[in-house]
Amino acid sequence: MQFYSTNNKDLRVSFQEAVFNSLPKDKGLYMPENIPQLDPYFIKHIQQYSFQEIAFEVAKAIIGDDIPAKDLKAIIQDAINFEAPVRFLSAETAVLELFHGPSYAFKDFGARFMSRVMGYYSKQGDQLLDVLVATSGDTGGAVALGFLGVAGTRVTILYPKGKVSKVQEEQLTTNGQNIRALEVDGTFDDCQALVKEAFNDPELNAVLRLTSANSINIARLIPQTFYYFWAYAQLKSQGMDQVVFTVPSGNFGNIGAGLLAYKMGLPVRHFVAGTNVNDTVPRFLDSGSYAPKPSVQTLANAMDVGNPSNWVRIQDLFDQDVNGLKDLVSAYTFDDEQTVAGMKDLFAQYGYVACPHTAIAYLASQAYRQAHPGEYASVFLSTAHPCKFPEAIDPDVFKAVKLPKGAEDLADKPKLAEPMKVDYTEFKQYLLNHQ
């Protein structure tokens, strides 16, 4: 399979090049040259397959022969070694839990798969691979744990000072080894801009072998399709085949993966994007005008993105057809007060403790259900374990949180992070001075 740039469909590269380049030189994003269609028989009988078997079929369809089947199966078995259960809260409402990996967030799927793919290809070269990643919260921890100890790689994580939760910061700043953290005195958008500028700096790229672990990397997007197919398989096993997925959305990679799954043949009735007050995409769907604005800090900090990078991929999937996109995707926006109310409502009605991002997805699913009643399973995605957000959850509700294994030990580890201004020259000098 070849991959093109969203800015130039004549620019084609292999999967390996797309993974390591992260960004095409024209600053677009990589997409597969064609969207493979999965065998209808496979979709019809998908409930008969395991999660790893489904992941292999989907990955093989997109990647093709770039990674031999035997090696691809081994990568998936190693990377996707935790569950993603669909848990019904009522007869019509269910939550897809994506926080059962090592960093307690959905980004473990992408980070672990990508790190194994990069490790697989890196065995064929001898230059150290420098992975740059900007995080608004959960990406940093997932990438840190995904790449920790992976030979031939070095990870530099940029995160906004004071804008990630305590647990999130501990997960990305306490690792050492081949993981480095930079505490940037700015926003996530500032961090992302620094990373993008580094990729487009010829002088820096002549010295370092740079790649990205953000959702702009195609190797992050592909494994996120896996759990949409797996969720559908779980619904099929219970006799359900009509589903609406509601996705908490910030950089729009997660819902972008769902839409890619849909284009590959996954029968989804509708997608709903739930956002916080960083509402660039909902405003676009309302007005047809794409007008990014500076990000605003909220309780759902992993969604504090003013200019979602992955939106260009979604528009590309729909050939810039805004009306076709609107037919399949709805969006709802909620502020912090509503988010807190959503967390309380989930606990009061179902005894379910949710993080702020999950609460926004729940609220959006409820809003869509109210506007579009009918017989279908409404599945909202839970993207992070609530233990990562003690500051955002009502203390009486937080008492019910059961800490996952390893969470108690994080606070005892020393913080390993260097402060940095929003200054590309300073960032570039850091990279050059710490080779």
Protein backbone atom coordinates (compact mmCIF):
# COMPACT_ATOMS: atom_id res chain seq x y z
CA MET A 1 0.00 0.00 0.00
CA GLN A 2 1.24 3.47 -0.90
CA PHE A 3 0.37 6.58 1.09
CA TYR A 4 -0.21 10.09 -0.28
CA SER A 5 -0.19 13.57 1.24
CA THR A 6 -3.52 15.27 1.84
CA ASN A 7 -1.95 18.31 0.17
CA ASN A 8 -0.76 16.41 -2.91
CA LYS A 9 -2.18 13.06 -3.96
CA ASP A 10 0.65 12.61 -6.46
CA LEU A 11 3.16 12.44 -3.59
CA ARG A 12 3.33 8.72 -2.79
CA VAL A 13 5.50 6.86 -0.25
CA SER A 14 5.64 3.38 1.29
CA PHE A 15 4.16 2.60 4.70
CA GLN A 16 7.65 2.57 6.22
CA GLU A 17 8.39 6.03 4.84
CA ALA A 18 5.04 7.37 6.01
CA VAL A 19 5.67 6.06 9.53
CA PHE A 20 9.14 7.55 9.82
CA ASN A 21 8.44 10.80 7.95
CA SER A 22 5.26 11.43 9.99
CA LEU A 23 4.60 14.62 8.02
CA PRO A 24 5.01 14.92 4.26
CA LYS A 25 7.34 17.71 3.15
CA ASP A 26 4.35 19.73 1.93
CA LYS A 27 2.95 19.70 5.51
CA GLY A 28 -0.08 17.57 4.67
CA LEU A 29 -0.91 14.28 6.41
CA TYR A 30 -0.47 10.78 5.05
CA MET A 31 -3.46 8.74 3.91
CA PRO A 32 -3.67 5.33 2.18
CA GLU A 33 -3.87 5.64 -1.62
CA ASN A 34 -7.14 3.73 -1.51
CA ILE A 35 -9.46 2.70 1.30
CA PRO A 36 -9.49 -1.11 1.36
CA GLN A 37 -12.85 -2.83 1.63
CA LEU A 38 -13.02 -5.69 4.09
CA ASP A 39 -14.65 -8.92 3.01
CA PRO A 40 -18.44 -8.69 3.68
CA TYR A 41 -18.30 -12.26 5.02
CA PHE A 42 -15.77 -11.13 7.62
CA ILE A 43 -18.02 -8.25 8.70
CA LYS A 44 -21.12 -10.47 8.79
CA HIS A 45 -19.39 -13.02 11.03
CA ILE A 46 -17.09 -10.66 12.90
CA GLN A 47 -18.36 -11.82 16.29
CA GLN A 48 -16.61 -15.14 15.68
CA TYR A 49 -13.15 -13.54 15.74
CA SER A 50 -10.94 -12.50 18.65
CA PHE A 51 -9.83 -8.91 19.15
CA GLN A 52 -6.33 -9.73 17.90
CA GLU A 53 -7.66 -11.59 14.85
CA ILE A 54 -9.84 -8.61 13.95
CA ALA A 55 -6.91 -6.22 14.44
CA PHE A 56 -4.74 -8.32 12.13
CA GLU A 57 -7.34 -8.41 9.33
CA VAL A 58 -7.84 -4.63 9.50
CA ALA A 59 -4.12 -3.81 9.71
CA LYS A 60 -3.24 -6.19 6.86
CA ALA A 61 -5.87 -4.59 4.64
CA ILE A 62 -4.37 -1.12 5.15
CA ILE A 63 -0.66 -1.97 5.30
CA GLY A 64 -0.68 -4.67 2.64
CA ASP A 65 2.60 -6.53 2.17
CA ASP A 66 4.81 -3.82 3.70
CA ILE A 67 5.06 -5.98 6.81
CA PRO A 68 4.90 -9.78 6.28
CA ALA A 69 1.82 -11.42 7.81
CA LYS A 70 3.82 -13.39 10.38
CA ASP A 71 5.61 -10.28 11.64
CA LEU A 72 2.43 -8.20 11.65
CA LYS A 73 0.65 -10.83 13.75
CA ALA A 74 3.54 -10.78 16.24
CA ILE A 75 3.40 -6.97 16.45
CA ILE A 76 -0.33 -7.04 17.15
CA GLN A 77 -0.09 -9.83 19.71
CA ASP A 78 2.55 -7.84 21.60
CA ALA A 79 0.95 -4.40 21.26
CA ILE A 80 -2.76 -5.17 21.66
CA ASN A 81 -2.53 -7.36 24.75
CA PHE A 82 -5.31 -5.79 26.83
CA GLU A 83 -9.08 -5.61 26.54
CA ALA A 84 -11.55 -3.03 25.21
CA PRO A 85 -14.89 -4.16 26.65
CA VAL A 86 -18.32 -2.80 25.77
CA ARG A 87 -20.21 -2.34 29.03
CA PHE A 88 -23.96 -1.78 28.92
CA LEU A 89 -25.35 0.79 31.35
CA SER A 90 -28.91 0.31 30.08
CA ALA A 91 -30.63 -1.62 27.32
CA GLU A 92 -29.77 1.08 24.76
CA THR A 93 -26.69 2.81 26.20
CA ALA A 94 -23.23 1.31 26.47
CA VAL A 95 -19.70 2.51 27.10
CA LEU A 96 -16.65 1.24 25.22
CA GLU A 97 -13.84 1.22 27.79
CA LEU A 98 -10.49 2.01 26.21
CA PHE A 99 -8.45 2.61 29.37
CA HIS A 100 -7.29 -0.91 30.24
CA GLY A 101 -3.78 -0.48 28.82
CA PRO A 102 -0.60 0.48 30.74
CA SER A 103 -1.18 4.27 30.69
CA TYR A 104 -4.92 3.96 31.43
CA ALA A 105 -5.91 5.76 28.22
CA PHE A 106 -7.11 4.90 24.72
CA LYS A 107 -3.86 6.19 23.26
CA ASP A 108 -2.14 3.00 24.39
CA PHE A 109 -3.55 1.32 21.28
CA GLY A 110 -1.83 3.72 18.91
CA ALA A 111 1.35 4.25 20.91
CA ARG A 112 2.09 0.56 21.48
CA PHE A 113 1.36 -0.46 17.89
CA MET A 114 3.42 2.40 16.49
CA SER A 115 6.38 1.74 18.81
CA ARG A 116 6.47 -1.91 17.75
CA VAL A 117 6.26 -0.98 14.07
CA MET A 118 9.07 1.55 14.46
CA GLY A 119 11.12 -0.95 16.43
CA TYR A 120 10.55 -3.54 13.69
CA TYR A 121 11.79 -1.20 10.96
CA SER A 122 14.59 0.28 13.10
CA LYS A 123 16.27 -3.12 13.28
CA GLN A 124 17.06 -2.59 9.61
CA GLY A 125 19.04 0.64 10.24
CA ASP A 126 21.71 1.86 12.62
CA GLN A 127 20.79 5.54 13.23
CA LEU A 128 18.99 6.39 16.45
CA LEU A 129 15.34 7.30 15.89
CA ASP A 130 14.28 10.53 17.62
CA VAL A 131 10.56 10.52 18.34
CA LEU A 132 9.01 13.95 19.01
CA VAL A 133 5.55 14.21 20.54
CA ALA A 134 3.35 17.02 21.79
CA THR A 135 0.71 16.10 24.37
CA SER A 136 -2.35 17.74 25.85
CA GLY A 137 -2.50 15.02 28.48
CA ASP A 138 -2.85 11.34 27.66
CA THR A 139 -0.65 11.01 24.56
CA GLY A 140 2.52 11.67 26.55
CA GLY A 141 2.02 8.87 29.04
CA ALA A 142 0.96 6.39 26.37
CA VAL A 143 3.96 7.20 24.17
CA ALA A 144 6.35 7.15 27.13
CA LEU A 145 5.22 3.70 28.22
CA GLY A 146 4.85 2.44 24.66
CA PHE A 147 8.45 3.32 23.75
CA LEU A 148 10.10 2.81 27.14
CA GLY A 149 13.12 0.58 26.58
CA VAL A 150 12.47 0.11 22.85
CA ALA A 151 15.95 -0.26 21.34
CA GLY A 152 17.11 2.32 18.82
CA THR A 153 14.60 4.97 19.88
CA ARG A 154 14.67 8.16 21.94
CA VAL A 155 11.47 10.04 22.82
CA THR A 156 11.11 13.76 23.57
CA ILE A 157 7.70 14.74 24.95
CA LEU A 158 6.51 18.37 25.04
CA TYR A 159 3.64 19.14 27.40
CA PRO A 160 2.00 22.43 28.49
CA LYS A 161 3.00 23.55 31.97
CA GLY A 162 0.16 23.41 34.47
CA LYS A 163 -2.34 22.09 31.91
CA VAL A 164 -2.14 18.33 32.47
CA SER A 165 -3.38 16.40 35.49
CA LYS A 166 -1.04 15.22 38.24
CA VAL A 167 -1.25 11.57 37.19
CA GLN A 168 -0.79 12.46 33.51
CA GLU A 169 2.34 14.47 34.36
CA GLU A 170 3.72 11.67 36.52
CA GLN A 171 3.26 9.15 33.73
CA LEU A 172 5.26 11.16 31.23
CA THR A 173 7.97 12.63 33.51
CA THR A 174 9.04 9.72 35.72
CA ASN A 175 10.44 7.23 33.24
CA GLY A 176 14.02 8.19 32.42
CA GLN A 177 15.96 5.80 30.17
CA ASN A 178 15.12 6.75 26.57
CA ILE A 179 12.23 9.06 27.54
CA ARG A 180 12.70 12.84 27.95
CA ALA A 181 10.05 15.39 28.97
CA LEU A 182 9.97 19.14 28.28
CA GLU A 183 7.61 21.31 30.35
CA VAL A 184 6.61 24.07 27.93
CA ASP A 185 5.34 27.39 29.27
CA GLY A 186 2.43 27.54 26.83
CA THR A 187 -0.53 25.59 25.42
CA PHE A 188 -0.81 22.27 23.63
CA ASP A 189 -1.09 24.14 20.34
CA ASP A 190 2.28 25.78 21.14
CA CYS A 191 3.82 22.36 21.81
CA GLN A 192 2.38 20.97 18.59
CA ALA A 193 3.66 23.97 16.60
CA LEU A 194 7.21 23.43 17.94
CA VAL A 195 7.13 19.77 16.91
CA LYS A 196 5.80 20.57 13.43
CA GLU A 197 8.46 23.23 12.91
CA ALA A 198 11.16 20.73 13.85
CA PHE A 199 9.94 18.29 11.22
CA ASN A 200 10.13 20.99 8.57
CA ASP A 201 13.62 22.19 9.56
CA PRO A 202 16.14 20.87 6.95
CA GLU A 203 19.15 21.63 9.15
CA LEU A 204 17.76 19.66 12.09
CA ASN A 205 16.65 16.76 9.90
CA ALA A 206 20.13 16.54 8.38
CA VAL A 207 21.50 15.75 11.84
CA LEU A 208 18.69 13.82 13.54
CA ARG A 209 16.39 11.07 12.30
CA LEU A 210 13.10 12.62 13.41
CA THR A 211 9.65 11.11 13.54
CA SER A 212 6.41 11.84 15.38
CA ALA A 213 4.29 9.86 17.80
CA ASN A 214 1.34 12.24 17.67
CA SER A 215 -1.90 11.25 15.99
CA ILE A 216 -0.59 12.95 12.85
CA ASN A 217 1.42 9.73 12.36
CA ILE A 218 -0.47 7.18 10.24
CA ALA A 219 0.78 4.38 12.53
CA ARG A 220 -1.26 5.94 15.36
CA LEU A 221 -4.43 6.14 13.29
CA ILE A 222 -4.49 2.56 12.01
CA PRO A 223 -4.69 0.73 15.38
CA GLN A 224 -7.43 3.07 16.57
CA THR A 225 -9.71 1.52 13.95
CA PHE A 226 -9.30 -1.84 15.66
CA TYR A 227 -11.55 -1.15 18.63
CA TYR A 228 -14.43 0.14 16.52
CA PHE A 229 -14.56 -3.21 14.74
CA TRP A 230 -14.14 -5.03 18.07
CA ALA A 231 -16.97 -3.03 19.66
CA TYR A 232 -19.23 -3.93 16.74
CA ALA A 233 -18.25 -7.59 17.14
CA GLN A 234 -19.30 -7.45 20.80
CA LEU A 235 -22.63 -5.89 19.85
CA LYS A 236 -23.20 -8.50 17.13
CA SER A 237 -22.62 -11.25 19.68
CA GLN A 238 -25.61 -9.84 21.57
CA GLY A 239 -27.80 -9.64 18.48
CA MET A 240 -27.32 -5.92 17.79
CA ASP A 241 -26.17 -4.48 14.48
CA GLN A 242 -27.33 -0.86 14.60
CA VAL A 243 -24.84 1.40 16.37
CA VAL A 244 -24.13 5.08 16.90
CA PHE A 245 -20.64 5.84 18.23
CA THR A 246 -20.10 8.96 20.30
CA VAL A 247 -16.47 10.06 20.57
CA PRO A 248 -14.88 12.65 22.88
CA SER A 249 -12.93 14.73 20.38
CA GLY A 250 -9.94 17.07 20.64
CA ASN A 251 -7.38 16.53 17.88
CA PHE A 252 -10.00 14.41 16.02
CA GLY A 253 -7.74 11.40 15.47
CA ASN A 254 -10.03 9.07 17.42
CA ILE A 255 -13.21 9.82 15.50
CA GLY A 256 -11.10 9.99 12.33
CA ALA A 257 -10.15 6.36 12.92
CA GLY A 258 -13.82 5.48 13.36
CA LEU A 259 -14.67 7.14 10.07
CA LEU A 260 -11.84 5.26 8.37
CA ALA A 261 -13.31 2.03 9.78
CA TYR A 262 -16.70 3.05 8.36
CA LYS A 263 -15.15 3.65 4.94
CA MET A 264 -13.58 0.17 5.14
CA GLY A 265 -17.01 -1.40 5.54
CA LEU A 266 -17.91 -1.19 9.23
CA PRO A 267 -21.68 -0.67 9.35
CA VAL A 268 -22.12 2.37 11.60
CA ARG A 269 -25.38 4.30 11.62
CA HIS A 270 -23.89 7.62 12.76
CA PHE A 271 -20.94 9.25 14.55
CA VAL A 272 -21.25 11.93 17.20
CA ALA A 273 -18.33 14.14 18.24
CA GLY A 274 -18.47 15.54 21.75
CA THR A 275 -16.19 18.50 22.39
CA ASN A 276 -15.44 20.89 25.21
CA VAL A 277 -15.51 24.65 24.56
CA ASN A 278 -12.69 24.22 22.04
CA ASP A 279 -15.39 23.95 19.40
CA THR A 280 -13.69 24.59 16.05
CA VAL A 281 -15.27 21.53 14.39
CA PRO A 282 -18.83 21.96 15.76
CA ARG A 283 -18.75 25.56 14.53
CA PHE A 284 -17.56 24.35 11.13
CA LEU A 285 -20.39 21.81 10.87
CA ASP A 286 -22.86 24.56 11.75
CA SER A 287 -21.50 27.30 9.50
CA GLY A 288 -19.31 25.63 6.88
CA SER A 289 -16.47 27.95 7.89
CA TYR A 290 -13.35 26.42 9.40
CA ALA A 291 -12.02 29.03 11.84
CA PRO A 292 -9.47 27.73 14.38
CA LYS A 293 -8.91 29.74 17.52
CA PRO A 294 -6.44 29.53 20.44
CA SER A 295 -7.17 26.61 22.75
CA VAL A 296 -8.87 27.19 26.09
CA GLN A 297 -8.02 25.18 29.20
CA THR A 298 -10.83 22.93 30.48
CA LEU A 299 -11.40 19.99 32.81
CA ALA A 300 -11.22 17.70 29.76
CA ASN A 301 -7.66 18.79 29.07
CA ALA A 302 -6.77 16.11 26.51
CA MET A 303 -9.36 17.78 24.27
CA ASP A 304 -8.00 21.32 24.66
CA VAL A 305 -7.13 21.70 20.99
CA GLY A 306 -7.96 24.84 19.05
CA ASN A 307 -6.79 23.66 15.63
CA PRO A 308 -7.33 19.88 15.31
CA SER A 309 -4.61 18.39 13.11
CA ASN A 310 -6.60 15.34 12.04
CA TRP A 311 -9.54 17.28 10.66
CA VAL A 312 -7.82 17.45 7.25
CA ARG A 313 -7.82 13.64 7.18
CA ILE A 314 -11.54 13.52 7.83
CA GLN A 315 -12.22 16.05 5.09
CA ASP A 316 -10.00 14.01 2.79
CA LEU A 317 -11.98 10.84 3.56
CA PHE A 318 -15.09 12.67 2.34
CA ASP A 319 -13.41 14.38 -0.64
CA GLN A 320 -14.13 17.77 0.94
CA ASP A 321 -17.89 17.01 0.73
CA VAL A 322 -19.24 18.95 3.70
CA ASN A 323 -22.81 17.78 3.15
CA GLY A 324 -21.77 14.12 3.04
CA LEU A 325 -19.82 14.64 6.24
CA LYS A 326 -22.79 16.28 7.95
CA ASP A 327 -24.98 13.31 7.02
CA LEU A 328 -22.72 10.99 9.01
CA VAL A 329 -21.28 13.20 11.77
CA SER A 330 -22.97 15.38 14.37
CA ALA A 331 -21.23 17.44 17.03
CA TYR A 332 -22.16 18.83 20.44
CA THR A 333 -20.22 21.15 22.73
CA PHE A 334 -20.22 21.24 26.56
CA ASP A 335 -18.58 23.57 29.05
CA ASP A 336 -16.96 22.62 32.36
CA GLU A 337 -20.15 23.09 34.37
CA GLN A 338 -22.04 20.73 32.09
CA THR A 339 -19.13 18.27 32.17
CA VAL A 340 -19.23 18.13 35.98
CA ALA A 341 -22.99 17.59 35.84
CA GLY A 342 -22.44 14.76 33.33
CA MET A 343 -19.98 13.00 35.63
CA LYS A 344 -22.43 13.30 38.54
CA ASP A 345 -25.33 12.04 36.43
CA LEU A 346 -23.40 8.98 35.28
CA PHE A 347 -22.61 8.10 38.87
CA ALA A 348 -26.10 8.83 40.20
CA GLN A 349 -27.89 6.84 37.48
CA TYR A 350 -25.49 3.96 36.89
CA GLY A 351 -22.87 4.03 39.64
CA TYR A 352 -20.33 4.66 36.88
CA VAL A 353 -17.32 6.88 37.56
CA ALA A 354 -16.12 8.64 34.42
CA CYS A 355 -13.35 11.04 33.52
CA PRO A 356 -14.35 14.46 32.09
CA HIS A 357 -13.73 13.37 28.48
CA THR A 358 -15.98 10.34 28.92
CA ALA A 359 -18.65 12.51 30.53
CA ILE A 360 -18.66 14.78 27.47
CA ALA A 361 -19.12 11.77 25.22
CA TYR A 362 -21.98 10.59 27.43
CA LEU A 363 -23.67 14.00 27.29
CA ALA A 364 -23.27 14.14 23.51
CA SER A 365 -24.74 10.64 23.15
CA GLN A 366 -27.72 11.66 25.26
CA ALA A 367 -28.22 14.82 23.22
CA TYR A 368 -28.14 12.88 19.97
CA ARG A 369 -30.52 10.23 21.33
CA GLN A 370 -32.99 12.93 22.35
CA ALA A 371 -32.84 14.51 18.90
CA HIS A 372 -32.87 11.17 17.05
CA PRO A 373 -34.92 8.54 18.91
CA GLY A 374 -34.96 5.02 17.53
CA GLU A 375 -33.75 1.47 17.95
CA TYR A 376 -29.98 1.39 18.01
CA ALA A 377 -27.15 0.86 20.44
CA SER A 378 -25.70 4.16 21.60
CA VAL A 379 -22.04 3.48 22.42
CA PHE A 380 -19.95 6.29 23.87
CA LEU A 381 -16.20 5.95 24.21
CA SER A 382 -14.47 6.12 27.59
CA THR A 383 -10.99 7.29 26.69
CA ALA A 384 -9.24 7.51 30.09
CA HIS A 385 -9.45 5.95 33.54
CA PRO A 386 -10.99 8.36 36.09
CA CYS A 387 -7.98 7.92 38.41
CA LYS A 388 -6.10 10.31 36.12
CA PHE A 389 -8.41 13.22 36.99
CA PRO A 390 -8.85 13.48 40.76
CA GLU A 391 -8.93 17.28 40.56
CA ALA A 392 -11.85 17.25 38.14
CA ILE A 393 -14.13 14.70 39.79
CA ASP A 394 -16.37 15.37 42.80
CA PRO A 395 -14.60 14.00 45.91
CA ASP A 396 -17.65 11.96 46.94
CA VAL A 397 -17.70 10.34 43.49
CA PHE A 398 -13.93 9.88 43.32
CA LYS A 399 -14.07 7.76 46.48
CA ALA A 400 -15.59 5.00 44.33
CA VAL A 401 -12.59 4.92 41.95
CA LYS A 402 -10.58 1.72 42.05
CA LEU A 403 -6.95 2.47 41.26
CA PRO A 404 -5.45 0.28 38.53
CA LYS A 405 -2.24 -1.59 39.17
CA GLY A 406 0.78 0.68 39.34
CA ALA A 407 -1.09 3.96 39.81
CA GLU A 408 -0.19 4.20 43.52
CA ASP A 409 3.54 4.06 42.81
CA LEU A 410 3.71 7.03 40.43
CA ALA A 411 3.73 9.73 43.10
CA ASP A 412 6.87 8.26 44.69
CA LYS A 413 8.97 8.60 41.53
CA PRO A 414 11.09 11.75 40.93
CA LYS A 415 9.97 14.22 38.26
CA LEU A 416 12.36 14.27 35.30
CA ALA A 417 11.42 17.27 33.16
CA GLU A 418 13.18 20.35 31.81
CA PRO A 419 11.41 23.75 31.56
CA MET A 420 11.17 25.36 28.13
CA LYS A 421 9.75 28.57 26.66
CA VAL A 422 7.64 28.71 23.53
CA ASP A 423 10.72 29.39 21.46
CA TYR A 424 11.67 27.23 18.48
CA THR A 425 15.32 28.31 18.60
CA GLU A 426 15.56 27.13 22.20
CA PHE A 427 13.83 23.84 21.36
CA LYS A 428 16.09 23.22 18.36
CA GLN A 429 19.18 23.97 20.42
CA TYR A 430 18.02 21.51 23.10
CA LEU A 431 17.70 18.75 20.53
CA LEU A 432 21.11 19.50 19.03
CA ASN A 433 22.80 19.74 22.43
CA HIS A 434 21.32 16.51 23.77
CA GLN A 435 22.12 14.04 21.02
